[in-house]
Amino acid sequence: MKKTLEVRGMTCEHCVKKVHKIVSRFEGVSDLSVDLHKMEASFECDPQRTDVARIVKAINEFGYTAREKG
């Protein structure tokens, strides 16, 4: 299942790497891409193994503002 999150608060490549690291730690996530200019994180996930709400919460806990798009 393809998911896209809006991620506000990223200002540089360090932020992109941090968000990438946060999301990639979750089991069932693959094909992850974080785009600074679009302010998005897109990934494939297995809904049996991945809770997108937990990913959003983890990103927010690091000081960014994430929410699921569409």
N, C-alpha and C. Protein backbone atom coordinates (compact mmCIF):
# COMPACT_ATOMS: atom_id res chain seq x y z
N MET A 1 0.85 -1.17 0.00
CA MET A 1 0.00 0.00 0.00
C MET A 1 0.90 1.24 0.00
N LYS A 2 0.68 2.15 -0.95
CA LYS A 2 1.46 3.38 -1.07
C LYS A 2 0.91 4.43 -0.12
N LYS A 3 1.80 5.06 0.66
CA LYS A 3 1.42 6.13 1.58
C LYS A 3 2.29 7.35 1.33
N THR A 4 1.70 8.51 1.48
CA THR A 4 2.44 9.77 1.39
C THR A 4 2.09 10.61 2.60
N LEU A 5 3.14 11.08 3.27
CA LEU A 5 2.96 11.96 4.42
C LEU A 5 3.45 13.35 4.07
N GLU A 6 2.72 14.35 4.48
CA GLU A 6 3.21 15.72 4.43
C GLU A 6 4.08 15.89 5.67
N VAL A 7 5.30 16.39 5.49
CA VAL A 7 6.21 16.58 6.62
C VAL A 7 6.69 18.02 6.60
N ARG A 8 6.19 18.82 7.52
CA ARG A 8 6.58 20.23 7.63
C ARG A 8 7.72 20.36 8.64
N GLY A 9 8.55 21.36 8.43
CA GLY A 9 9.63 21.64 9.36
C GLY A 9 10.99 21.19 8.87
N MET A 10 11.04 20.48 7.75
CA MET A 10 12.33 20.10 7.18
C MET A 10 12.93 21.32 6.49
N THR A 11 14.20 21.61 6.79
CA THR A 11 14.83 22.79 6.21
C THR A 11 16.10 22.49 5.43
N CYS A 12 16.61 21.25 5.55
CA CYS A 12 17.89 20.94 4.91
C CYS A 12 18.01 19.43 4.69
N GLU A 13 19.11 19.03 4.08
CA GLU A 13 19.34 17.60 3.81
C GLU A 13 19.50 16.80 5.10
N HIS A 14 19.99 17.43 6.16
CA HIS A 14 20.09 16.73 7.45
C HIS A 14 18.69 16.32 7.92
N CYS A 15 17.73 17.22 7.76
CA CYS A 15 16.35 16.92 8.14
C CYS A 15 15.80 15.76 7.32
N VAL A 16 16.09 15.77 6.03
CA VAL A 16 15.64 14.70 5.13
C VAL A 16 16.20 13.36 5.61
N LYS A 17 17.49 13.34 5.92
CA LYS A 17 18.11 12.10 6.41
C LYS A 17 17.51 11.65 7.73
N LYS A 18 17.18 12.59 8.61
CA LYS A 18 16.59 12.25 9.91
C LYS A 18 15.21 11.62 9.71
N VAL A 19 14.37 12.25 8.88
CA VAL A 19 13.03 11.71 8.62
C VAL A 19 13.15 10.33 7.97
N HIS A 20 14.07 10.19 7.03
CA HIS A 20 14.29 8.90 6.36
C HIS A 20 14.66 7.84 7.40
N LYS A 21 15.54 8.18 8.30
CA LYS A 21 15.97 7.23 9.34
C LYS A 21 14.81 6.85 10.25
N ILE A 22 13.99 7.82 10.64
CA ILE A 22 12.84 7.56 11.51
C ILE A 22 11.88 6.57 10.84
N VAL A 23 11.51 6.86 9.60
CA VAL A 23 10.51 6.04 8.89
C VAL A 23 11.06 4.66 8.57
N SER A 24 12.33 4.59 8.19
CA SER A 24 12.91 3.30 7.79
C SER A 24 13.04 2.31 8.93
N ARG A 25 12.95 2.77 10.15
CA ARG A 25 13.03 1.88 11.32
C ARG A 25 11.79 1.01 11.49
N PHE A 26 10.70 1.41 10.85
CA PHE A 26 9.45 0.67 11.02
C PHE A 26 9.42 -0.55 10.11
N GLU A 27 9.04 -1.66 10.71
CA GLU A 27 8.93 -2.92 9.98
C GLU A 27 7.82 -2.81 8.94
N GLY A 28 8.07 -3.33 7.76
CA GLY A 28 7.06 -3.33 6.71
C GLY A 28 7.12 -2.14 5.78
N VAL A 29 8.08 -1.23 6.00
CA VAL A 29 8.24 -0.06 5.14
C VAL A 29 9.27 -0.38 4.05
N SER A 30 8.96 -0.02 2.81
CA SER A 30 9.90 -0.20 1.70
C SER A 30 9.73 0.95 0.72
N ASP A 31 10.64 1.03 -0.23
CA ASP A 31 10.59 2.03 -1.30
C ASP A 31 10.36 3.43 -0.73
N LEU A 32 11.15 3.80 0.28
CA LEU A 32 11.01 5.06 0.99
C LEU A 32 11.73 6.19 0.26
N SER A 33 11.05 7.32 0.14
CA SER A 33 11.62 8.51 -0.46
C SER A 33 11.17 9.72 0.35
N VAL A 34 12.13 10.59 0.71
CA VAL A 34 11.81 11.82 1.43
C VAL A 34 12.25 12.98 0.55
N ASP A 35 11.33 13.90 0.27
CA ASP A 35 11.58 15.01 -0.64
C ASP A 35 11.47 16.33 0.11
N LEU A 36 12.58 17.05 0.20
CA LEU A 36 12.62 18.33 0.91
C LEU A 36 11.74 19.38 0.23
N HIS A 37 11.79 19.46 -1.09
CA HIS A 37 11.06 20.49 -1.82
C HIS A 37 9.55 20.27 -1.80
N LYS A 38 9.13 19.03 -1.84
CA LYS A 38 7.70 18.72 -1.77
C LYS A 38 7.21 18.61 -0.33
N MET A 39 8.16 18.56 0.62
CA MET A 39 7.84 18.36 2.05
C MET A 39 7.02 17.08 2.24
N GLU A 40 7.53 15.99 1.64
CA GLU A 40 6.81 14.71 1.68
C GLU A 40 7.74 13.55 2.00
N ALA A 41 7.14 12.54 2.58
CA ALA A 41 7.76 11.23 2.72
C ALA A 41 6.79 10.25 2.08
N SER A 42 7.27 9.50 1.09
CA SER A 42 6.43 8.52 0.40
C SER A 42 7.06 7.14 0.58
N PHE A 43 6.21 6.15 0.75
CA PHE A 43 6.71 4.79 0.96
C PHE A 43 5.63 3.76 0.72
N GLU A 44 6.07 2.56 0.47
CA GLU A 44 5.18 1.40 0.42
C GLU A 44 5.16 0.81 1.82
N CYS A 45 4.02 0.32 2.23
CA CYS A 45 3.97 -0.31 3.55
C CYS A 45 3.01 -1.49 3.54
N ASP A 46 3.32 -2.42 4.40
CA ASP A 46 2.48 -3.60 4.61
C ASP A 46 1.56 -3.26 5.78
N PRO A 47 0.25 -3.09 5.55
CA PRO A 47 -0.66 -2.70 6.62
C PRO A 47 -0.75 -3.74 7.75
N GLN A 48 -0.33 -4.95 7.48
CA GLN A 48 -0.30 -5.98 8.52
C GLN A 48 0.85 -5.78 9.49
N ARG A 49 1.90 -5.08 9.03
CA ARG A 49 3.11 -4.91 9.83
C ARG A 49 3.40 -3.47 10.19
N THR A 50 2.71 -2.52 9.56
CA THR A 50 3.03 -1.11 9.72
C THR A 50 1.80 -0.32 10.13
N ASP A 51 1.93 0.48 11.17
CA ASP A 51 0.88 1.37 11.63
C ASP A 51 1.30 2.79 11.25
N VAL A 52 0.67 3.36 10.24
CA VAL A 52 1.06 4.68 9.74
C VAL A 52 0.90 5.74 10.83
N ALA A 53 -0.09 5.60 11.68
CA ALA A 53 -0.27 6.57 12.77
C ALA A 53 0.95 6.58 13.69
N ARG A 54 1.57 5.43 13.91
CA ARG A 54 2.78 5.37 14.74
C ARG A 54 3.96 6.06 14.04
N ILE A 55 4.02 5.95 12.73
CA ILE A 55 5.08 6.62 11.97
C ILE A 55 4.90 8.14 12.08
N VAL A 56 3.67 8.61 11.90
CA VAL A 56 3.38 10.04 12.02
C VAL A 56 3.76 10.53 13.42
N LYS A 57 3.39 9.78 14.43
CA LYS A 57 3.70 10.15 15.81
C LYS A 57 5.21 10.23 16.03
N ALA A 58 5.95 9.27 15.51
CA ALA A 58 7.41 9.25 15.67
C ALA A 58 8.05 10.47 15.00
N ILE A 59 7.59 10.82 13.83
CA ILE A 59 8.12 12.01 13.14
C ILE A 59 7.81 13.26 13.95
N ASN A 60 6.60 13.37 14.43
CA ASN A 60 6.20 14.54 15.22
C ASN A 60 6.99 14.65 16.52
N GLU A 61 7.34 13.53 17.12
CA GLU A 61 8.11 13.55 18.36
C GLU A 61 9.52 14.10 18.16
N PHE A 62 10.00 14.08 16.92
CA PHE A 62 11.32 14.64 16.62
C PHE A 62 11.25 16.11 16.21
N GLY A 63 10.07 16.71 16.35
CA GLY A 63 9.95 18.15 16.11
C GLY A 63 9.45 18.57 14.75
N TYR A 64 9.13 17.61 13.90
CA TYR A 64 8.55 17.92 12.61
C TYR A 64 7.03 17.82 12.73
N THR A 65 6.32 18.27 11.73
CA THR A 65 4.86 18.17 11.73
C THR A 65 4.46 17.29 10.56
N ALA A 66 4.01 16.09 10.86
CA ALA A 66 3.64 15.13 9.82
C ALA A 66 2.15 14.82 9.88
N ARG A 67 1.61 14.58 8.70
CA ARG A 67 0.22 14.11 8.61
C ARG A 67 0.08 13.35 7.31
N GLU A 68 -0.85 12.42 7.34
CA GLU A 68 -1.09 11.61 6.14
C GLU A 68 -1.81 12.46 5.08
N LYS A 69 -1.35 12.34 3.84
CA LYS A 69 -1.99 13.06 2.74
C LYS A 69 -3.04 12.16 2.08
N GLY A 70 -4.12 12.79 1.66
CA GLY A 70 -5.16 12.14 0.88
C GLY A 70 -5.55 10.87 1.40
